[in-house]
C-alpha atoms as a PDB file:
ATOM      1  CA  UNK A   1      -5.204 -16.214 -17.302  1.00  0.00           C
ATOM      2  CA  UNK A   2      -7.179 -12.944 -17.177  1.00  0.00           C
ATOM      3  CA  UNK A   3      -4.641 -10.328 -16.062  1.00  0.00           C
ATOM      4  CA  UNK A   4      -7.331  -7.648 -15.680  1.00  0.00           C
ATOM      5  CA  UNK A   5      -9.182  -9.736 -13.104  1.00  0.00           C
ATOM      6  CA  UNK A   6      -5.971 -10.554 -11.237  1.00  0.00           C
ATOM      7  CA  UNK A   7      -4.964  -6.870 -11.184  1.00  0.00           C
ATOM      8  CA  UNK A   8      -8.292  -5.961  -9.572  1.00  0.00           C
ATOM      9  CA  UNK A   9      -7.885  -8.718  -7.005  1.00  0.00           C
ATOM     10  CA  UNK A  10      -4.272  -7.850  -6.221  1.00  0.00           C
ATOM     11  CA  UNK A  11      -5.087  -4.146  -5.805  1.00  0.00           C
ATOM     12  CA  UNK A  12      -6.550  -4.926  -2.390  1.00  0.00           C
ATOM     13  CA  UNK A  13      -3.485  -6.954  -1.426  1.00  0.00           C
ATOM     14  CA  UNK A  14      -1.228  -4.093  -2.534  1.00  0.00           C
ATOM     15  CA  UNK A  15      -3.159  -1.616  -0.403  1.00  0.00           C
ATOM     16  CA  UNK A  16      -2.820  -3.913   2.614  1.00  0.00           C
ATOM     17  CA  UNK A  17       0.944  -4.127   1.992  1.00  0.00           C
ATOM     18  CA  UNK A  18       1.121  -0.336   1.822  1.00  0.00           C
ATOM     19  CA  UNK A  19      -0.800   0.092   5.072  1.00  0.00           C
ATOM     20  CA  UNK A  20       1.334  -2.535   6.803  1.00  0.00           C
ATOM     21  CA  UNK A  21       4.611  -0.877   5.838  1.00  0.00           C
ATOM     22  CA  UNK A  22       3.316   2.653   6.472  1.00  0.00           C
ATOM     23  CA  UNK A  23       2.504   1.519  10.013  1.00  0.00           C
ATOM     24  CA  UNK A  24       6.045   0.222  10.574  1.00  0.00           C
ATOM     25  CA  UNK A  25       7.741   3.380   9.246  1.00  0.00           C
ATOM     26  CA  UNK A  26       7.258   6.230   6.795  1.00  0.00           C
ATOM     27  CA  UNK A  27       7.363   4.953   3.212  1.00  0.00           C
ATOM     28  CA  UNK A  28       7.933   6.592  -0.157  1.00  0.00           C
ATOM     29  CA  UNK A  29       6.992   5.527  -3.656  1.00  0.00           C
ATOM     30  CA  UNK A  30      10.209   4.128  -5.119  1.00  0.00           C
ATOM     31  CA  UNK A  31      10.917   2.125  -1.950  1.00  0.00           C
ATOM     32  CA  UNK A  32       7.374   0.753  -1.986  1.00  0.00           C
ATOM     33  CA  UNK A  33       7.734  -0.267  -5.646  1.00  0.00           C
ATOM     34  CA  UNK A  34      10.820  -2.325  -4.775  1.00  0.00           C
ATOM     35  CA  UNK A  35       9.139  -3.863  -1.732  1.00  0.00           C
ATOM     36  CA  UNK A  36       6.108  -4.909  -3.780  1.00  0.00           C
ATOM     37  CA  UNK A  37       8.355  -6.381  -6.497  1.00  0.00           C
ATOM     38  CA  UNK A  38      10.084  -8.491  -3.844  1.00  0.00           C
ATOM     39  CA  UNK A  39       6.657  -9.959  -3.107  1.00  0.00           C
ATOM     40  CA  UNK A  40       5.986 -10.714  -6.775  1.00  0.00           C
ATOM     41  CA  UNK A  41       3.821  -7.722  -7.667  1.00  0.00           C
ATOM     42  CA  UNK A  42       4.799  -6.244 -11.015  1.00  0.00           C
ATOM     43  CA  UNK A  43       3.495  -2.730 -10.590  1.00  0.00           C
ATOM     44  CA  UNK A  44       4.581   0.487 -12.293  1.00  0.00           C
ATOM     45  CA  UNK A  45       5.024   3.920 -10.762  1.00  0.00           C
ATOM     46  CA  UNK A  46       2.089   5.018 -12.893  1.00  0.00           C
ATOM     47  CA  UNK A  47      -0.068   2.534 -11.015  1.00  0.00           C
ATOM     48  CA  UNK A  48       1.393   2.963  -7.526  1.00  0.00           C
ATOM     49  CA  UNK A  49       1.294   6.742  -7.212  1.00  0.00           C
ATOM     50  CA  UNK A  50      -2.452   7.051  -7.903  1.00  0.00           C
ATOM     51  CA  UNK A  51      -3.016   4.308  -5.300  1.00  0.00           C
ATOM     52  CA  UNK A  52      -1.007   6.302  -2.734  1.00  0.00           C
ATOM     53  CA  UNK A  53      -2.863   9.513  -3.618  1.00  0.00           C
ATOM     54  CA  UNK A  54      -6.253   7.804  -3.320  1.00  0.00           C
ATOM     55  CA  UNK A  55      -5.310   6.249   0.009  1.00  0.00           C
ATOM     56  CA  UNK A  56      -4.287   9.717   1.222  1.00  0.00           C
ATOM     57  CA  UNK A  57      -7.573  11.175  -0.084  1.00  0.00           C
ATOM     58  CA  UNK A  58      -9.436   8.421   1.803  1.00  0.00           C
ATOM     59  CA  UNK A  59      -7.532   9.421   4.996  1.00  0.00           C
ATOM     60  CA  UNK A  60      -5.780   6.037   5.242  1.00  0.00           C
ATOM     61  CA  UNK A  61      -2.366   7.661   4.792  1.00  0.00           C
ATOM     62  CA  UNK A  62      -0.963  11.082   5.590  1.00  0.00           C
ATOM     63  CA  UNK A  63       1.762  12.662   3.486  1.00  0.00           C
ATOM     64  CA  UNK A  64       4.807  14.644   4.565  1.00  0.00           C
ATOM     65  CA  UNK A  65       7.009  16.342   1.990  1.00  0.00           C
ATOM     66  CA  UNK A  66      10.707  16.291   2.894  1.00  0.00           C
ATOM     67  CA  UNK A  67      13.616  17.892   1.050  1.00  0.00           C
ATOM     68  CA  UNK A  68      16.116  15.109   0.299  1.00  0.00           C
ATOM     69  CA  UNK A  69      19.250  16.292  -1.526  1.00  0.00           C
ATOM     70  CA  UNK A  70      17.375  19.199  -3.070  1.00  0.00           C
ATOM     71  CA  UNK A  71      14.395  17.109  -4.187  1.00  0.00           C
ATOM     72  CA  UNK A  72      11.021  16.815  -2.501  1.00  0.00           C
ATOM     73  CA  UNK A  73      10.280  13.265  -1.378  1.00  0.00           C
ATOM     74  CA  UNK A  74       6.769  12.404  -0.277  1.00  0.00           C
ATOM     75  CA  UNK A  75       6.678  10.176   2.775  1.00  0.00           C
ATOM     76  CA  UNK A  76       3.477   8.400   3.766  1.00  0.00           C
ATOM     77  CA  UNK A  77       2.464   7.199   7.219  1.00  0.00           C
ATOM     78  CA  UNK A  78      -0.630   5.336   8.295  1.00  0.00           C
ATOM     79  CA  UNK A  79      -3.442   7.288   9.968  1.00  0.00           C
ATOM     80  CA  UNK A  80      -5.658   6.042  12.785  1.00  0.00           C
ATOM     81  CA  UNK A  81      -8.361   5.321  10.183  1.00  0.00           C
ATOM     82  CA  UNK A  82      -5.741   3.410   8.163  1.00  0.00           C
ATOM     83  CA  UNK A  83      -4.843   1.363  11.245  1.00  0.00           C
ATOM     84  CA  UNK A  84      -8.503   0.481  11.775  1.00  0.00           C
ATOM     85  CA  UNK A  85      -8.804  -0.613   8.143  1.00  0.00           C
ATOM     86  CA  UNK A  86      -5.539  -2.596   8.357  1.00  0.00           C
ATOM     87  CA  UNK A  87      -6.710  -4.419  11.489  1.00  0.00           C
ATOM     88  CA  UNK A  88     -10.012  -5.320   9.845  1.00  0.00           C
ATOM     89  CA  UNK A  89      -8.213  -6.448   6.668  1.00  0.00           C
ATOM     90  CA  UNK A  90      -5.864  -8.641   8.741  1.00  0.00           C
ATOM     91  CA  UNK A  91      -8.811 -10.266  10.440  1.00  0.00           C
ATOM     92  CA  UNK A  92     -10.616 -10.932   7.159  1.00  0.00           C
ATOM     93  CA  UNK A  93      -7.424 -12.180   5.465  1.00  0.00           C
ATOM     94  CA  UNK A  94      -6.769 -14.577   8.354  1.00  0.00           C
ATOM     95  CA  UNK A  95     -10.301 -15.957   8.143  1.00  0.00           C
ATOM     96  CA  UNK A  96      -9.958 -16.390   4.375  1.00  0.00           C
ATOM     97  CA  UNK A  97      -6.564 -18.074   4.718  1.00  0.00           C
ATOM     98  CA  UNK A  98      -7.954 -20.596   7.226  1.00  0.00           C
ATOM     99  CA  UNK A  99     -10.769 -21.400   4.824  1.00  0.00           C
ATOM    100  CA  UNK A 100      -8.772 -21.822   1.605  1.00  0.00           C
ATOM    101  CA  UNK A 101      -5.555 -23.439   2.878  1.00  0.00           C
END
């Protein structure tokens, strides 16, 4: 199996997961890594953090830095643009699921 192709494909799924959880509550990197692993995504911090930064740069997420026990933790929440993208992704994913099931 071509892992490079699968990684590209799963990147979109990972971003949808991130948007979904960032809509429910503020998320942070290490929590998101564990959540993705529970769904079978083997992703490293070195892969996740650039995804989060790019999603923030694209105005899908907004970041808040919070001091937690003397360390700065970056929390991410969905933006209104992120919600629009998530809703569109849900619609497209549902259509795809109906077609391939």
